[in-house]
Amino acid sequence: MATGLGGFIFIVVATRTLGLDAFAPVSQLWTIWALAAAVMTFSYQQLTIRRAWQEDSGTSPVVAAAPLALAMVVFLASAMSSDRLFGSSSLGWPAAAAAMPVGAALIGVTRGRWAARSRYLGLATLVASENGIRAALALLFAIVGASAGWYGAAILIGFAAALFIPRTPIPARHGSIRESAGSMVGGAGLAGLLAHSTLVLPPLIAAGLGADPKEVSILFAYLAALRVPYQIALGLVPRAAERWTQASVDDDRSMFTRIRVALLAVALGGGALAALLSAAIGDPLAGLLFDGSGVLSTSARALAGAAAVMAVANLGLTVAGISDGRAGVVATRWAAGVVAASTAVVMSGRTDTTAILAGVAGTEIAVLFLLSAMHGTPRGVEAAVG
């Protein structure tokens, strides 16, 4: 809960202090961080956890170099579109964006180390401290009247939490996993990116389509508020992954059946309730975030609320699938859901906020049923003996 609350405090303080227009580049940097975390934190965390069951725990050069390679791509891409993304030709914003994949990977490795040792108090402290640092700095910057660039720096400084490293050895595990690091990171990274991007990409898409900075900030702030449950769920992922990986090694099929049924029920029932609630509380939320100066339509708010709850369920299904040795299958089904929903939005010919959010909700629904239908025997897992 602390990580979601920390992120929410950062966004509320920054939007209220800077104003919607000045906050726009900070929102874009936050979006890039969220995407980097989806790829790097998620995949390197899962890889570190699963290595507790692997006989060969060495790191391949490709896996080690991946964060740096992605950092170069992010820098070049953001530098070429800096004026549109950040409203500035300065290389400071692209440089900050390029640091996101490296920082996110370090956080993922550290989270995985705590989870692999079943040290959940240390893990919780790490998870809470990343956004806690950012929230504390945002409050400080609000007091001194700092510019938007300082809020961007606060996002970077949050990676200092990765220095909180466990010192105890990893306990012995029963059973083993034979799965290449490259396929694990690739599948988990793609699945994590697609899972997270459905809730963080809409503002970036709107900016790319030339939307007004104020509209981009409004969309970002609403989705950020509705992402709090997702952020809380992300904090629980390492602990769940450690337990579910052991269940996969033990070939406990009944656990994965229970997970699928429970998450499907949460997604459908909770999604309907969230749609009603988010449509009803939209105006008070606007007042909290930006003095009521920006609103989304009732239908857009309902779509965002439903998508937020289904995203939590899909995150659980994604982690369960990866923990069960199905990273490639999970990534493929996420890709299929994204393509199907995106095609429907493109064919509609609409690019307004409601249409974008309809695409998000459509993606979550498609992926929900694709992931909940997974069954069979996982690959690369040898059951525990004795």
Protein backbone atom coordinates (compact mmCIF):
# COMPACT_ATOMS: atom_id res chain seq x y z
CA MET A 1 0.00 0.00 0.00
CA ALA A 2 2.83 2.39 0.85
CA THR A 3 4.25 2.32 -2.68
CA GLY A 4 0.88 3.19 -4.25
CA LEU A 5 0.30 5.90 -1.67
CA GLY A 6 3.79 7.31 -2.23
CA GLY A 7 3.23 7.53 -5.96
CA PHE A 8 -0.17 9.12 -5.47
CA ILE A 9 1.24 11.74 -3.09
CA PHE A 10 4.00 12.57 -5.56
CA ILE A 11 1.51 13.12 -8.38
CA VAL A 12 -0.98 15.11 -6.30
CA VAL A 13 1.72 17.39 -4.89
CA ALA A 14 3.38 17.89 -8.27
CA THR A 15 0.16 18.63 -10.17
CA ARG A 16 -1.13 21.03 -7.52
CA THR A 17 2.22 22.83 -7.18
CA LEU A 18 3.34 23.04 -10.80
CA GLY A 19 -0.02 23.27 -12.53
CA LEU A 20 -1.18 21.06 -15.39
CA ASP A 21 0.93 22.63 -18.15
CA ALA A 22 4.23 22.63 -16.20
CA PHE A 23 3.54 19.13 -14.89
CA ALA A 24 3.27 17.64 -18.42
CA PRO A 25 7.00 16.77 -18.85
CA VAL A 26 7.08 15.23 -15.36
CA SER A 27 4.08 13.08 -16.25
CA GLN A 28 5.86 11.88 -19.39
CA LEU A 29 8.98 10.97 -17.42
CA TRP A 30 6.84 9.15 -14.85
CA THR A 31 5.20 7.23 -17.69
CA ILE A 32 8.58 6.23 -19.09
CA TRP A 33 9.65 5.08 -15.62
CA ALA A 34 6.47 3.04 -15.27
CA LEU A 35 7.11 1.33 -18.62
CA ALA A 36 10.76 0.70 -17.72
CA ALA A 37 9.63 -0.82 -14.42
CA ALA A 38 7.17 -3.03 -16.28
CA VAL A 39 9.95 -4.39 -18.48
CA MET A 40 13.03 -4.31 -16.27
CA THR A 41 11.86 -4.42 -12.65
CA PHE A 42 9.29 -7.09 -13.40
CA SER A 43 11.50 -9.38 -15.53
CA TYR A 44 14.72 -9.07 -13.50
CA GLN A 45 12.76 -9.58 -10.30
CA GLN A 46 11.20 -12.78 -11.69
CA LEU A 47 14.56 -13.97 -13.04
CA THR A 48 16.28 -13.44 -9.68
CA ILE A 49 13.52 -15.33 -7.84
CA ARG A 50 13.51 -18.28 -10.25
CA ARG A 51 17.30 -18.61 -10.05
CA ALA A 52 16.89 -19.85 -6.50
CA TRP A 53 15.77 -23.12 -8.12
CA GLN A 54 18.31 -23.16 -10.96
CA GLU A 55 21.53 -25.13 -10.86
CA ASP A 56 23.38 -22.66 -13.10
CA SER A 57 22.77 -19.17 -11.73
CA GLY A 58 25.32 -17.36 -13.90
CA THR A 59 24.31 -14.22 -15.76
CA SER A 60 24.61 -14.17 -19.54
CA PRO A 61 26.24 -11.10 -21.14
CA VAL A 62 23.07 -10.36 -23.10
CA VAL A 63 20.89 -10.29 -19.98
CA ALA A 64 23.43 -8.13 -18.14
CA ALA A 65 23.72 -5.65 -21.02
CA ALA A 66 20.00 -5.40 -21.79
CA PRO A 67 19.29 -2.43 -19.44
CA LEU A 68 22.12 -0.39 -20.99
CA ALA A 69 21.00 -1.23 -24.51
CA LEU A 70 17.44 -0.20 -23.72
CA ALA A 71 18.74 3.00 -22.10
CA MET A 72 20.43 3.95 -25.37
CA VAL A 73 17.24 3.31 -27.33
CA VAL A 74 15.18 5.38 -24.89
CA PHE A 75 17.65 8.26 -25.04
CA LEU A 76 17.69 8.39 -28.84
CA ALA A 77 13.92 8.06 -29.14
CA SER A 78 13.14 10.68 -26.50
CA ALA A 79 15.83 13.08 -27.74
CA MET A 80 14.39 13.02 -31.25
CA SER A 81 10.91 13.84 -29.93
CA SER A 82 11.92 15.93 -26.93
CA ASP A 83 9.96 19.02 -27.98
CA ARG A 84 6.73 17.07 -28.29
CA LEU A 85 7.19 14.83 -25.26
CA PHE A 86 8.75 17.25 -22.81
CA GLY A 87 8.10 20.65 -24.37
CA SER A 88 11.84 21.35 -24.31
CA SER A 89 14.85 20.87 -26.55
CA SER A 90 17.16 20.30 -23.57
CA LEU A 91 18.89 16.93 -23.39
CA GLY A 92 18.29 16.80 -19.64
CA TRP A 93 14.87 15.19 -19.95
CA PRO A 94 16.00 12.51 -22.48
CA ALA A 95 19.02 11.76 -20.27
CA ALA A 96 16.73 11.27 -17.28
CA ALA A 97 14.48 9.04 -19.39
CA ALA A 98 17.49 6.95 -20.44
CA ALA A 99 18.37 6.27 -16.81
CA MET A 100 15.00 4.66 -16.15
CA PRO A 101 15.71 1.16 -17.56
CA VAL A 102 18.97 0.84 -15.61
CA GLY A 103 17.47 2.02 -12.33
CA ALA A 104 14.40 -0.17 -12.81
CA ALA A 105 16.55 -3.27 -13.45
CA LEU A 106 18.55 -2.63 -10.27
CA ILE A 107 15.34 -2.34 -8.27
CA GLY A 108 14.10 -5.61 -9.81
CA VAL A 109 17.26 -7.53 -8.89
CA THR A 110 17.15 -6.24 -5.32
CA ARG A 111 13.45 -7.11 -4.95
CA GLY A 112 14.15 -10.59 -6.29
CA ARG A 113 16.98 -11.08 -3.81
CA TRP A 114 14.72 -10.28 -0.86
CA ALA A 115 11.92 -12.51 -2.17
CA ALA A 116 14.26 -15.44 -2.92
CA ARG A 117 15.32 -15.36 0.73
CA SER A 118 11.68 -15.14 1.93
CA ARG A 119 12.64 -11.92 3.72
CA TYR A 120 9.31 -10.20 3.29
CA LEU A 121 9.79 -7.40 5.81
CA GLY A 122 12.93 -6.29 3.99
CA LEU A 123 11.10 -6.63 0.69
CA ALA A 124 8.21 -4.51 1.93
CA THR A 125 10.64 -1.86 3.16
CA LEU A 126 12.34 -1.77 -0.23
CA VAL A 127 9.08 -1.55 -2.16
CA ALA A 128 7.72 1.22 0.05
CA SER A 129 10.93 3.23 0.10
CA GLU A 130 11.22 3.74 -3.68
CA ASN A 131 8.09 5.87 -4.05
CA GLY A 132 8.39 7.02 -0.45
CA ILE A 133 11.62 8.80 -1.36
CA ARG A 134 9.92 10.42 -4.34
CA ALA A 135 6.93 11.56 -2.28
CA ALA A 136 9.16 13.07 0.42
CA LEU A 137 11.19 14.96 -2.17
CA ALA A 138 8.02 16.22 -3.87
CA LEU A 139 6.81 17.66 -0.56
CA LEU A 140 10.20 19.33 -0.04
CA PHE A 141 10.23 20.77 -3.56
CA ALA A 142 6.69 22.08 -3.10
CA ILE A 143 7.80 23.96 0.02
CA VAL A 144 10.80 25.58 -1.69
CA GLY A 145 8.97 26.24 -4.97
CA ALA A 146 11.21 24.06 -7.15
CA SER A 147 10.79 23.80 -10.92
CA ALA A 148 9.55 20.78 -12.88
CA GLY A 149 13.10 19.55 -13.46
CA TRP A 150 13.55 18.91 -9.75
CA TYR A 151 10.46 16.71 -9.68
CA GLY A 152 11.98 14.77 -12.57
CA ALA A 153 15.15 14.38 -10.52
CA ALA A 154 13.07 13.01 -7.63
CA ILE A 155 11.95 10.12 -9.84
CA LEU A 156 15.60 9.25 -10.47
CA ILE A 157 16.61 9.56 -6.82
CA GLY A 158 13.94 6.99 -5.91
CA PHE A 159 16.22 4.32 -7.40
CA ALA A 160 18.51 4.79 -4.40
CA ALA A 161 16.24 2.25 -2.69
CA ALA A 162 18.11 -0.45 -4.68
CA LEU A 163 21.04 0.04 -2.29
CA PHE A 164 19.00 -1.74 0.41
CA ILE A 165 20.46 -5.21 -0.33
CA PRO A 166 20.00 -8.41 1.77
CA ARG A 167 23.14 -9.94 3.24
CA THR A 168 21.95 -13.46 4.15
CA PRO A 169 22.46 -16.43 1.77
CA ILE A 170 19.62 -17.88 -0.31
CA PRO A 171 18.17 -20.99 1.41
CA ALA A 172 18.33 -24.37 -0.32
CA ARG A 173 15.34 -25.22 -2.54
CA HIS A 174 13.71 -28.54 -3.42
CA GLY A 175 13.32 -29.30 -7.10
CA SER A 176 14.86 -27.40 -9.98
CA ILE A 177 14.01 -25.23 -12.96
CA ARG A 178 15.69 -25.46 -16.34
CA GLU A 179 14.87 -22.29 -18.23
CA SER A 180 17.24 -20.01 -20.12
CA ALA A 181 17.73 -16.55 -18.69
CA GLY A 182 17.21 -14.98 -22.11
CA SER A 183 13.81 -16.56 -22.71
CA MET A 184 12.77 -15.79 -19.14
CA VAL A 185 13.70 -12.12 -19.31
CA GLY A 186 12.36 -11.74 -22.84
CA GLY A 187 9.00 -13.33 -22.14
CA ALA A 188 8.53 -11.75 -18.74
CA GLY A 189 9.71 -8.36 -20.02
CA LEU A 190 7.29 -8.34 -22.95
CA ALA A 191 4.41 -9.56 -20.79
CA GLY A 192 5.19 -7.00 -18.11
CA LEU A 193 5.46 -4.20 -20.66
CA LEU A 194 2.13 -5.01 -22.29
CA ALA A 195 0.44 -5.49 -18.92
CA HIS A 196 1.61 -2.18 -17.51
CA SER A 197 1.39 -0.18 -20.72
CA THR A 198 -2.38 -0.49 -20.88
CA LEU A 199 -2.59 1.76 -17.81
CA VAL A 200 0.33 4.11 -18.48
CA LEU A 201 0.50 4.54 -22.26
CA PRO A 202 -2.72 6.52 -22.90
CA PRO A 203 -1.15 9.88 -21.86
CA LEU A 204 1.92 9.16 -23.99
CA ILE A 205 -0.31 8.26 -26.94
CA ALA A 206 -2.34 11.42 -26.44
CA ALA A 207 0.85 13.50 -26.40
CA GLY A 208 2.09 11.77 -29.53
CA LEU A 209 -1.18 12.66 -31.26
CA GLY A 210 -0.56 16.30 -30.42
CA ALA A 211 -3.04 16.67 -27.54
CA ASP A 212 -2.94 19.79 -25.42
CA PRO A 213 -0.50 19.42 -22.44
CA LYS A 214 -3.38 20.14 -20.06
CA GLU A 215 -5.46 17.29 -21.51
CA VAL A 216 -2.44 14.96 -21.26
CA SER A 217 -1.98 15.87 -17.59
CA ILE A 218 -5.69 15.35 -16.86
CA LEU A 219 -5.64 11.87 -18.41
CA PHE A 220 -2.40 11.01 -16.64
CA ALA A 221 -3.66 12.15 -13.23
CA TYR A 222 -6.92 10.19 -13.46
CA LEU A 223 -5.16 7.01 -14.52
CA ALA A 224 -2.48 7.52 -11.85
CA ALA A 225 -5.16 7.72 -9.16
CA LEU A 226 -6.84 4.56 -10.47
CA ARG A 227 -3.46 2.79 -10.66
CA VAL A 228 -3.03 2.84 -6.88
CA PRO A 229 -4.51 -0.69 -6.49
CA TYR A 230 -2.23 -1.88 -9.29
CA GLN A 231 0.81 -0.38 -7.57
CA ILE A 232 -0.20 -2.10 -4.33
CA ALA A 233 -0.53 -5.40 -6.20
CA LEU A 234 2.91 -4.91 -7.76
CA GLY A 235 4.36 -4.70 -4.27
CA LEU A 236 2.91 -8.15 -3.52
CA VAL A 237 4.23 -9.73 -6.73
CA PRO A 238 7.65 -10.89 -5.41
CA ARG A 239 6.10 -12.75 -2.48
CA ALA A 240 3.45 -14.35 -4.69
CA ALA A 241 6.02 -15.27 -7.34
CA GLU A 242 8.23 -17.03 -4.81
CA ARG A 243 5.34 -19.13 -3.51
CA TRP A 244 3.84 -19.85 -6.91
CA THR A 245 7.22 -20.88 -8.32
CA GLN A 246 7.53 -23.46 -5.55
CA ALA A 247 3.99 -24.64 -6.35
CA SER A 248 5.02 -25.07 -9.99
CA VAL A 249 8.12 -27.05 -9.00
CA ASP A 250 5.89 -29.21 -6.78
CA ASP A 251 3.46 -29.60 -9.71
CA ASP A 252 0.57 -28.29 -7.61
CA ARG A 253 -1.96 -27.84 -10.44
CA SER A 254 -4.84 -27.21 -8.04
CA MET A 255 -3.26 -23.98 -6.81
CA PHE A 256 -3.09 -22.52 -10.30
CA THR A 257 -6.70 -23.52 -10.93
CA ARG A 258 -7.77 -21.71 -7.77
CA ILE A 259 -5.76 -18.64 -8.78
CA ARG A 260 -7.41 -18.45 -12.20
CA VAL A 261 -10.94 -18.86 -10.83
CA ALA A 262 -10.47 -16.32 -8.05
CA LEU A 263 -8.89 -13.67 -10.28
CA LEU A 264 -11.52 -14.11 -12.96
CA ALA A 265 -14.24 -13.54 -10.36
CA VAL A 266 -12.46 -10.47 -8.98
CA ALA A 267 -12.02 -9.02 -12.46
CA LEU A 268 -15.64 -9.38 -13.53
CA GLY A 269 -17.34 -8.45 -10.26
CA GLY A 270 -14.80 -5.85 -9.19
CA GLY A 271 -14.58 -4.35 -12.66
CA ALA A 272 -18.32 -3.70 -12.79
CA LEU A 273 -18.28 -2.12 -9.33
CA ALA A 274 -15.22 0.00 -10.14
CA ALA A 275 -16.90 1.33 -13.28
CA LEU A 276 -19.84 2.57 -11.23
CA LEU A 277 -17.69 4.05 -8.49
CA SER A 278 -15.17 5.79 -10.72
CA ALA A 279 -18.00 7.36 -12.74
CA ALA A 280 -19.57 8.63 -9.52
CA ILE A 281 -16.43 10.02 -7.81
CA GLY A 282 -14.95 11.71 -10.86
CA ASP A 283 -15.74 15.28 -9.83
CA PRO A 284 -14.34 14.98 -6.27
CA LEU A 285 -11.23 13.33 -7.70
CA ALA A 286 -10.77 16.25 -10.09
CA GLY A 287 -11.01 18.63 -7.16
CA LEU A 288 -8.33 16.72 -5.25
CA LEU A 289 -5.92 16.49 -8.15
CA PHE A 290 -6.24 19.85 -9.82
CA ASP A 291 -8.89 22.07 -8.23
CA GLY A 292 -11.60 20.72 -10.52
CA SER A 293 -10.01 22.36 -13.56
CA GLY A 294 -10.04 19.17 -15.60
CA VAL A 295 -12.67 16.47 -16.08
CA LEU A 296 -13.20 13.32 -18.09
CA SER A 297 -16.60 12.26 -19.36
CA THR A 298 -18.67 9.83 -17.29
CA SER A 299 -18.17 7.03 -19.81
CA ALA A 300 -14.41 7.64 -19.89
CA ARG A 301 -14.21 7.48 -16.10
CA ALA A 302 -16.24 4.26 -16.03
CA LEU A 303 -13.97 2.65 -18.62
CA ALA A 304 -10.87 3.70 -16.69
CA GLY A 305 -12.24 2.29 -13.43
CA ALA A 306 -13.16 -1.07 -14.93
CA ALA A 307 -9.80 -1.33 -16.69
CA ALA A 308 -7.93 -0.57 -13.46
CA VAL A 309 -9.50 -3.52 -11.61
CA MET A 310 -9.13 -5.93 -14.52
CA ALA A 311 -5.49 -4.89 -14.81
CA VAL A 312 -4.89 -6.07 -11.23
CA ALA A 313 -6.44 -9.45 -12.02
CA ASN A 314 -4.42 -9.73 -15.23
CA LEU A 315 -1.25 -8.90 -13.31
CA GLY A 316 -1.98 -11.85 -11.01
CA LEU A 317 -2.61 -14.15 -13.96
CA THR A 318 0.58 -12.91 -15.63
CA VAL A 319 2.71 -13.58 -12.55
CA ALA A 320 1.10 -17.00 -12.09
CA GLY A 321 1.85 -17.94 -15.69
CA ILE A 322 5.47 -16.78 -15.52
CA SER A 323 5.98 -18.50 -12.18
CA ASP A 324 4.63 -21.65 -13.81
CA GLY A 325 7.30 -21.55 -16.55
CA ARG A 326 5.07 -20.05 -19.26
CA ALA A 327 6.66 -16.65 -19.87
CA GLY A 328 6.52 -17.08 -23.65
CA VAL A 329 2.87 -18.18 -23.64
CA VAL A 330 1.86 -15.29 -21.38
CA ALA A 331 3.65 -12.76 -23.61
CA THR A 332 2.02 -14.19 -26.73
CA ARG A 333 -1.47 -13.95 -25.25
CA TRP A 334 -0.87 -10.41 -24.07
CA ALA A 335 0.27 -9.48 -27.57
CA ALA A 336 -2.84 -11.07 -29.08
CA GLY A 337 -5.11 -9.12 -26.73
CA VAL A 338 -3.35 -5.82 -27.40
CA VAL A 339 -3.45 -6.31 -31.18
CA ALA A 340 -7.15 -7.23 -31.15
CA ALA A 341 -8.20 -4.24 -29.04
CA SER A 342 -5.91 -1.80 -30.87
CA THR A 343 -7.28 -2.92 -34.22
CA ALA A 344 -10.83 -2.29 -33.02
CA VAL A 345 -9.91 1.25 -31.90
CA VAL A 346 -8.13 2.04 -35.17
CA MET A 347 -11.06 0.75 -37.22
CA SER A 348 -13.42 2.98 -35.22
CA GLY A 349 -11.57 6.02 -36.55
CA ARG A 350 -11.74 7.81 -33.17
CA THR A 351 -8.78 9.24 -31.25
CA ASP A 352 -10.56 10.97 -28.36
CA THR A 353 -9.97 10.11 -24.70
CA THR A 354 -13.04 7.89 -24.43
CA ALA A 355 -11.96 5.86 -27.47
CA ILE A 356 -8.44 5.44 -26.08
CA LEU A 357 -9.80 4.25 -22.73
CA ALA A 358 -12.22 1.92 -24.51
CA GLY A 359 -9.20 0.34 -26.15
CA VAL A 360 -7.55 -0.06 -22.75
CA ALA A 361 -10.63 -1.75 -21.28
CA GLY A 362 -10.99 -3.93 -24.36
CA THR A 363 -7.40 -5.07 -24.05
CA GLU A 364 -7.86 -6.00 -20.40
CA ILE A 365 -11.02 -8.00 -21.16
CA ALA A 366 -9.40 -9.89 -24.05
CA VAL A 367 -6.26 -10.70 -22.06
CA LEU A 368 -8.31 -11.71 -19.02
CA PHE A 369 -9.99 -14.52 -20.88
CA LEU A 370 -6.88 -15.52 -22.81
CA LEU A 371 -4.78 -15.86 -19.65
CA SER A 372 -7.49 -17.53 -17.57
CA ALA A 373 -7.76 -20.23 -20.25
CA MET A 374 -4.15 -21.39 -19.83
CA HIS A 375 -3.79 -25.02 -18.85
CA GLY A 376 -1.48 -28.00 -19.26
CA THR A 377 1.96 -28.97 -18.01
CA PRO A 378 4.57 -26.22 -17.67
CA ARG A 379 7.88 -26.47 -19.49
CA GLY A 380 11.34 -26.38 -17.97
CA VAL A 381 10.25 -27.53 -14.51
CA GLU A 382 11.37 -30.66 -12.70
CA ALA A 383 9.22 -31.67 -9.73
CA ALA A 384 10.69 -31.80 -6.25
CA VAL A 385 11.87 -35.16 -5.00
CA GLY A 386 11.33 -36.22 -1.42
